[in-house]
Every structure is written in C-alpha cells, then in structure tokens.
C-alpha cells in the first residue's frame, strides 16, 4: 500500500507541476499578446523637424509605443509623443522633464526644477522669457507642477520653442506614447 500511495503522490506532483508550468507559460504568453497587439501599439515613425536635434534628427526613424502611459507612469527624461485635441492629426515628440509635484522656478530667465538648472542633451540651460497670451494649458509658474500634469521640453534652449514654455503643463491624456530610438 505504501508503494501505491507513493505512486499516487508522484503522479499528483507531476500533474500539479505540469498545470502550474502550463498556467505560467500561458499567462506570460497572454501578457505578451496584450502588450504587443492589444493595448500598446508599436509603430515606426519618422521624425520631421529639428526641435529635438541633436537628440533626434530630421528623417530619423523611431519606435512609438502608443498608449504606453495607460499602463506605465511617465518618467523623467522619457521621450514622449504628445498630441492636442485642437490638432488631432499632428503629433510632436518632446522630452519629459517635469513630474507632478516637482518645484519649477524661473531665475534670471533660466528654468530650474527642484532647485537644479534644467539642461538639454548638450548641457545648455533652457531659457524662459515672457508668457504667451494663448497658452493652451496651465502656464509655467514658480510653484509645484500640479498633480496629473507634466512639463515637456524640446532640445531648443530658446523660449520660443513649441514646448511647455509655450503651451504650459500637459495633462497625462496629452501623452499619447513613449518614443524609443531605434539605435539604442
């Protein structure tokens, strides 16, 4: 009888192991399908313009992960695709520099976040001069970035660039996806 119980125990163990492994394999497989085909769409896009030069060059191909921020929190220095309801057919690529609750200051026309000078990829500071009268969103002020809002910048240090210095803080629904350089 002991031998018979041992065989049953071994068979149960093998069956349990098989079901567990199969369940894990199926779960991983289904998660992969959801990310690549379901809710996050991968698209190859071509950069047009020079506002992100030298980080991104005119004509450079990038991978766009559309709907990425529906599942993941934005992180500082992410390259993001932004879109406005007023321009539904236009997408812009910017660098995410400010997160909710970051302290934004403008000292001597230079932008600071959390007490540190904000620099582009070439180590040059961003300038902020005057505010546009036609800000689409929350304007930059010497205070904390409100919850649910983000600050995005181009690589251009001039304050006339089309980024948060022009249109203000962005709500998360304006972040349409994450951009990944193909040569990384």
C-alpha atoms as a PDB file:
ATOM      1  CA  UNK A   1       0.000   0.000   0.000  1.00  0.00           C
ATOM      2  CA  UNK A   2       2.805   2.362   0.727  1.00  0.00           C
ATOM      3  CA  UNK A   3       4.157   1.865  -2.779  1.00  0.00           C
ATOM      4  CA  UNK A   4       0.715   2.555  -4.279  1.00  0.00           C
ATOM      5  CA  UNK A   5       0.343   5.798  -2.282  1.00  0.00           C
ATOM      6  CA  UNK A   6       3.829   6.851  -3.291  1.00  0.00           C
ATOM      7  CA  UNK A   7       2.937   6.435  -6.998  1.00  0.00           C
ATOM      8  CA  UNK A   8      -0.251   8.471  -6.500  1.00  0.00           C
ATOM      9  CA  UNK A   9       1.751  11.156  -4.764  1.00  0.00           C
ATOM     10  CA  UNK A  10       4.314  11.253  -7.587  1.00  0.00           C
ATOM     11  CA  UNK A  11       1.561  11.399 -10.226  1.00  0.00           C
ATOM     12  CA  UNK A  12      -0.179  14.231  -8.325  1.00  0.00           C
ATOM     13  CA  UNK A  13       3.114  16.091  -8.011  1.00  0.00           C
ATOM     14  CA  UNK A  14       3.840  15.721 -11.736  1.00  0.00           C
ATOM     15  CA  UNK A  15       0.298  16.776 -12.648  1.00  0.00           C
ATOM     16  CA  UNK A  16       0.413  19.770 -10.302  1.00  0.00           C
ATOM     17  CA  UNK A  17       3.827  20.807 -11.660  1.00  0.00           C
ATOM     18  CA  UNK A  18       2.588  20.484 -15.239  1.00  0.00           C
ATOM     19  CA  UNK A  19      -0.541  22.557 -14.553  1.00  0.00           C
ATOM     20  CA  UNK A  20       1.469  25.204 -12.731  1.00  0.00           C
ATOM     21  CA  UNK A  21       4.055  25.468 -15.501  1.00  0.00           C
ATOM     22  CA  UNK A  22       1.398  25.466 -18.194  1.00  0.00           C
ATOM     23  CA  UNK A  23      -0.501  28.191 -16.370  1.00  0.00           C
ATOM     24  CA  UNK A  24       2.621  30.319 -16.090  1.00  0.00           C
ATOM     25  CA  UNK A  25       3.527  29.805 -19.726  1.00  0.00           C
ATOM     26  CA  UNK A  26       0.007  30.708 -20.832  1.00  0.00           C
ATOM     27  CA  UNK A  27      -0.036  33.761 -18.562  1.00  0.00           C
ATOM     28  CA  UNK A  28       3.263  35.041 -19.952  1.00  0.00           C
ATOM     29  CA  UNK A  29       2.096  34.351 -23.481  1.00  0.00           C
ATOM     30  CA  UNK A  30      -1.183  36.217 -22.931  1.00  0.00           C
ATOM     31  CA  UNK A  31       0.573  39.179 -21.265  1.00  0.00           C
ATOM     32  CA  UNK A  32       2.879  39.408 -24.269  1.00  0.00           C
ATOM     33  CA  UNK A  33      -0.043  39.458 -26.682  1.00  0.00           C
ATOM     34  CA  UNK A  34      -1.779  42.167 -24.666  1.00  0.00           C
ATOM     35  CA  UNK A  35       1.280  44.413 -24.728  1.00  0.00           C
ATOM     36  CA  UNK A  36       2.234  43.949 -28.335  1.00  0.00           C
ATOM     37  CA  UNK A  37      -1.145  43.576 -30.053  1.00  0.00           C
ATOM     38  CA  UNK A  38      -3.792  44.640 -27.598  1.00  0.00           C
ATOM     39  CA  UNK A  39      -3.426  47.953 -25.871  1.00  0.00           C
ATOM     40  CA  UNK A  40       0.116  49.164 -26.595  1.00  0.00           C
ATOM     41  CA  UNK A  41       0.706  49.622 -30.279  1.00  0.00           C
ATOM     42  CA  UNK A  42       4.210  49.660 -31.721  1.00  0.00           C
ATOM     43  CA  UNK A  43       4.633  51.941 -34.696  1.00  0.00           C
ATOM     44  CA  UNK A  44       7.662  53.139 -36.604  1.00  0.00           C
ATOM     45  CA  UNK A  45       7.549  56.917 -37.032  1.00  0.00           C
ATOM     46  CA  UNK A  46       9.782  59.360 -38.877  1.00  0.00           C
ATOM     47  CA  UNK A  47      10.966  62.497 -37.104  1.00  0.00           C
ATOM     48  CA  UNK A  48      10.139  65.667 -39.030  1.00  0.00           C
ATOM     49  CA  UNK A  49      11.789  68.910 -37.992  1.00  0.00           C
ATOM     50  CA  UNK A  50      14.751  69.942 -35.881  1.00  0.00           C
ATOM     51  CA  UNK A  51      13.280  70.849 -32.487  1.00  0.00           C
ATOM     52  CA  UNK A  52      14.750  67.689 -30.927  1.00  0.00           C
ATOM     53  CA  UNK A  53      18.173  67.958 -32.612  1.00  0.00           C
ATOM     54  CA  UNK A  54      20.790  66.650 -31.779  1.00  0.00           C
ATOM     55  CA  UNK A  55      18.933  64.042 -29.712  1.00  0.00           C
ATOM     56  CA  UNK A  56      16.682  63.155 -32.661  1.00  0.00           C
ATOM     57  CA  UNK A  57      17.478  64.123 -36.215  1.00  0.00           C
ATOM     58  CA  UNK A  58      15.155  65.151 -39.043  1.00  0.00           C
ATOM     59  CA  UNK A  59      14.311  61.991 -41.018  1.00  0.00           C
ATOM     60  CA  UNK A  60      15.346  59.606 -38.201  1.00  0.00           C
ATOM     61  CA  UNK A  61      13.113  56.579 -37.616  1.00  0.00           C
ATOM     62  CA  UNK A  62      11.912  55.856 -34.064  1.00  0.00           C
ATOM     63  CA  UNK A  63       9.673  53.288 -32.417  1.00  0.00           C
ATOM     64  CA  UNK A  64       6.493  54.759 -30.928  1.00  0.00           C
ATOM     65  CA  UNK A  65       4.718  52.840 -28.156  1.00  0.00           C
ATOM     66  CA  UNK A  66       1.202  54.257 -28.461  1.00  0.00           C
ATOM     67  CA  UNK A  67      -0.933  54.041 -25.257  1.00  0.00           C
ATOM     68  CA  UNK A  68       2.174  53.210 -23.207  1.00  0.00           C
ATOM     69  CA  UNK A  69       1.170  55.644 -20.445  1.00  0.00           C
ATOM     70  CA  UNK A  70      -2.170  53.924 -19.988  1.00  0.00           C
ATOM     71  CA  UNK A  71      -0.165  51.170 -18.261  1.00  0.00           C
ATOM     72  CA  UNK A  72       3.065  52.789 -17.038  1.00  0.00           C
ATOM     73  CA  UNK A  73       3.845  56.007 -15.201  1.00  0.00           C
ATOM     74  CA  UNK A  74       5.777  58.634 -17.124  1.00  0.00           C
ATOM     75  CA  UNK A  75       9.404  59.002 -16.028  1.00  0.00           C
ATOM     76  CA  UNK A  76      11.722  61.968 -16.168  1.00  0.00           C
ATOM     77  CA  UNK A  77      13.658  62.134 -19.457  1.00  0.00           C
ATOM     78  CA  UNK A  78      11.235  59.847 -21.325  1.00  0.00           C
ATOM     79  CA  UNK A  79      10.863  60.848 -24.949  1.00  0.00           C
ATOM     80  CA  UNK A  80       7.121  61.259 -25.383  1.00  0.00           C
ATOM     81  CA  UNK A  81       4.634  61.723 -28.193  1.00  0.00           C
ATOM     82  CA  UNK A  82       2.195  64.494 -27.433  1.00  0.00           C
ATOM     83  CA  UNK A  83      -0.997  65.429 -29.201  1.00  0.00           C
ATOM     84  CA  UNK A  84      -3.587  68.172 -28.726  1.00  0.00           C
ATOM     85  CA  UNK A  85      -7.325  67.937 -29.349  1.00  0.00           C
ATOM     86  CA  UNK A  86      -7.056  71.156 -31.339  1.00  0.00           C
ATOM     87  CA  UNK A  87      -4.597  69.449 -33.726  1.00  0.00           C
ATOM     88  CA  UNK A  88      -5.740  65.807 -33.850  1.00  0.00           C
ATOM     89  CA  UNK A  89      -3.642  64.896 -36.898  1.00  0.00           C
ATOM     90  CA  UNK A  90      -0.363  66.283 -35.544  1.00  0.00           C
ATOM     91  CA  UNK A  91       1.994  64.531 -33.192  1.00  0.00           C
ATOM     92  CA  UNK A  92       5.001  66.109 -31.510  1.00  0.00           C
ATOM     93  CA  UNK A  93       7.984  64.457 -29.819  1.00  0.00           C
ATOM     94  CA  UNK A  94       9.342  66.111 -26.670  1.00  0.00           C
ATOM     95  CA  UNK A  95      11.415  65.163 -23.617  1.00  0.00           C
ATOM     96  CA  UNK A  96       9.574  64.828 -20.321  1.00  0.00           C
ATOM     97  CA  UNK A  97      11.480  66.931 -17.771  1.00  0.00           C
ATOM     98  CA  UNK A  98       8.977  67.789 -15.031  1.00  0.00           C
ATOM     99  CA  UNK A  99       6.767  65.457 -12.997  1.00  0.00           C
ATOM    100  CA  UNK A 100       3.798  66.172 -10.714  1.00  0.00           C
ATOM    101  CA  UNK A 101       4.889  67.910  -7.505  1.00  0.00           C
ATOM    102  CA  UNK A 102       8.265  68.986  -8.945  1.00  0.00           C
ATOM    103  CA  UNK A 103       9.078  72.562  -7.947  1.00  0.00           C
ATOM    104  CA  UNK A 104       9.505  74.809 -11.003  1.00  0.00           C
ATOM    105  CA  UNK A 105      11.390  78.094 -10.719  1.00  0.00           C
ATOM    106  CA  UNK A 106      12.474  80.673 -13.252  1.00  0.00           C
ATOM    107  CA  UNK A 107      15.569  82.588 -12.093  1.00  0.00           C
ATOM    108  CA  UNK A 108      17.185  85.175 -14.353  1.00  0.00           C
ATOM    109  CA  UNK A 109      15.204  83.715 -17.294  1.00  0.00           C
ATOM    110  CA  UNK A 110      16.640  80.192 -16.704  1.00  0.00           C
ATOM    111  CA  UNK A 111      14.444  77.192 -15.872  1.00  0.00           C
ATOM    112  CA  UNK A 112      15.060  75.218 -12.658  1.00  0.00           C
ATOM    113  CA  UNK A 113      13.319  72.069 -11.439  1.00  0.00           C
ATOM    114  CA  UNK A 114      13.695  71.085  -7.788  1.00  0.00           C
ATOM    115  CA  UNK A 115      16.487  73.626  -7.415  1.00  0.00           C
ATOM    116  CA  UNK A 116      18.559  72.271 -10.317  1.00  0.00           C
ATOM    117  CA  UNK A 117      19.136  74.072 -13.596  1.00  0.00           C
ATOM    118  CA  UNK A 118      17.395  72.183 -16.415  1.00  0.00           C
ATOM    119  CA  UNK A 119      19.789  71.329 -19.251  1.00  0.00           C
ATOM    120  CA  UNK A 120      19.279  69.903 -22.715  1.00  0.00           C
ATOM    121  CA  UNK A 121      21.289  66.930 -24.032  1.00  0.00           C
ATOM    122  CA  UNK A 122      24.181  69.262 -24.914  1.00  0.00           C
ATOM    123  CA  UNK A 123      24.346  70.638 -21.358  1.00  0.00           C
ATOM    124  CA  UNK A 124      22.828  74.031 -22.229  1.00  0.00           C
ATOM    125  CA  UNK A 125      20.232  75.692 -19.947  1.00  0.00           C
ATOM    126  CA  UNK A 126      16.645  76.344 -21.011  1.00  0.00           C
ATOM    127  CA  UNK A 127      15.523  79.978 -21.155  1.00  0.00           C
ATOM    128  CA  UNK A 128      12.040  81.192 -20.234  1.00  0.00           C
ATOM    129  CA  UNK A 129      11.104  84.712 -21.245  1.00  0.00           C
ATOM    130  CA  UNK A 130       7.595  86.107 -21.006  1.00  0.00           C
ATOM    131  CA  UNK A 131       4.480  84.022 -21.357  1.00  0.00           C
ATOM    132  CA  UNK A 132       2.430  83.505 -24.479  1.00  0.00           C
ATOM    133  CA  UNK A 133      -1.016  85.088 -24.301  1.00  0.00           C
ATOM    134  CA  UNK A 134      -2.502  81.996 -25.944  1.00  0.00           C
ATOM    135  CA  UNK A 135      -1.404  79.270 -23.564  1.00  0.00           C
ATOM    136  CA  UNK A 136      -3.432  76.149 -24.238  1.00  0.00           C
ATOM    137  CA  UNK A 137      -2.916  74.632 -20.805  1.00  0.00           C
ATOM    138  CA  UNK A 138      -1.681  75.530 -17.313  1.00  0.00           C
ATOM    139  CA  UNK A 139       1.081  78.147 -17.587  1.00  0.00           C
ATOM    140  CA  UNK A 140       4.535  77.705 -16.086  1.00  0.00           C
ATOM    141  CA  UNK A 141       4.756  79.446 -12.739  1.00  0.00           C
ATOM    142  CA  UNK A 142       7.162  79.492  -9.819  1.00  0.00           C
ATOM    143  CA  UNK A 143       5.418  76.692  -7.923  1.00  0.00           C
ATOM    144  CA  UNK A 144       4.923  72.931  -7.932  1.00  0.00           C
ATOM    145  CA  UNK A 145       3.651  71.143 -11.005  1.00  0.00           C
ATOM    146  CA  UNK A 146       0.032  70.191 -10.214  1.00  0.00           C
ATOM    147  CA  UNK A 147      -0.932  66.530  -9.800  1.00  0.00           C
ATOM    148  CA  UNK A 148      -1.685  64.918 -13.147  1.00  0.00           C
ATOM    149  CA  UNK A 149       0.407  67.442 -15.099  1.00  0.00           C
ATOM    150  CA  UNK A 150       3.834  67.215 -16.757  1.00  0.00           C
ATOM    151  CA  UNK A 151       6.449  69.563 -18.215  1.00  0.00           C
ATOM    152  CA  UNK A 152       7.903  68.681 -21.625  1.00  0.00           C
ATOM    153  CA  UNK A 153      10.720  70.379 -23.493  1.00  0.00           C
ATOM    154  CA  UNK A 154      12.312  70.279 -26.911  1.00  0.00           C
ATOM    155  CA  UNK A 155      16.084  70.357 -27.304  1.00  0.00           C
ATOM    156  CA  UNK A 156      15.966  74.036 -28.284  1.00  0.00           C
ATOM    157  CA  UNK A 157      17.016  76.271 -25.411  1.00  0.00           C
ATOM    158  CA  UNK A 158      15.204  79.360 -26.758  1.00  0.00           C
ATOM    159  CA  UNK A 159      11.954  80.142 -25.004  1.00  0.00           C
ATOM    160  CA  UNK A 160      10.106  80.458 -28.332  1.00  0.00           C
ATOM    161  CA  UNK A 161      10.191  76.679 -28.860  1.00  0.00           C
ATOM    162  CA  UNK A 162       6.871  74.806 -29.074  1.00  0.00           C
ATOM    163  CA  UNK A 163       7.003  73.044 -25.702  1.00  0.00           C
ATOM    164  CA  UNK A 164       5.779  73.644 -22.135  1.00  0.00           C
ATOM    165  CA  UNK A 165       7.396  77.085 -22.170  1.00  0.00           C
ATOM    166  CA  UNK A 166       4.919  77.940 -24.927  1.00  0.00           C
ATOM    167  CA  UNK A 167       1.792  75.916 -24.097  1.00  0.00           C
ATOM    168  CA  UNK A 168       2.184  75.214 -20.367  1.00  0.00           C
ATOM    169  CA  UNK A 169       1.959  71.995 -18.371  1.00  0.00           C
ATOM    170  CA  UNK A 170       0.417  68.950 -20.062  1.00  0.00           C
ATOM    171  CA  UNK A 171      -2.180  66.625 -18.589  1.00  0.00           C
ATOM    172  CA  UNK A 172      -1.429  62.905 -18.885  1.00  0.00           C
ATOM    173  CA  UNK A 173      -4.086  62.480 -21.606  1.00  0.00           C
ATOM    174  CA  UNK A 174      -1.859  64.573 -23.914  1.00  0.00           C
ATOM    175  CA  UNK A 175       0.922  61.962 -23.602  1.00  0.00           C
ATOM    176  CA  UNK A 176      -0.009  59.587 -26.411  1.00  0.00           C
ATOM    177  CA  UNK A 177       3.017  57.323 -26.196  1.00  0.00           C
ATOM    178  CA  UNK A 178       6.668  56.731 -25.491  1.00  0.00           C
ATOM    179  CA  UNK A 179       9.370  57.091 -28.137  1.00  0.00           C
ATOM    180  CA  UNK A 180      12.366  54.753 -28.324  1.00  0.00           C
ATOM    181  CA  UNK A 181      15.349  55.479 -30.519  1.00  0.00           C
ATOM    182  CA  UNK A 182      15.951  52.540 -32.848  1.00  0.00           C
ATOM    183  CA  UNK A 183      19.732  52.689 -32.498  1.00  0.00           C
ATOM    184  CA  UNK A 184      19.630  52.130 -28.700  1.00  0.00           C
END
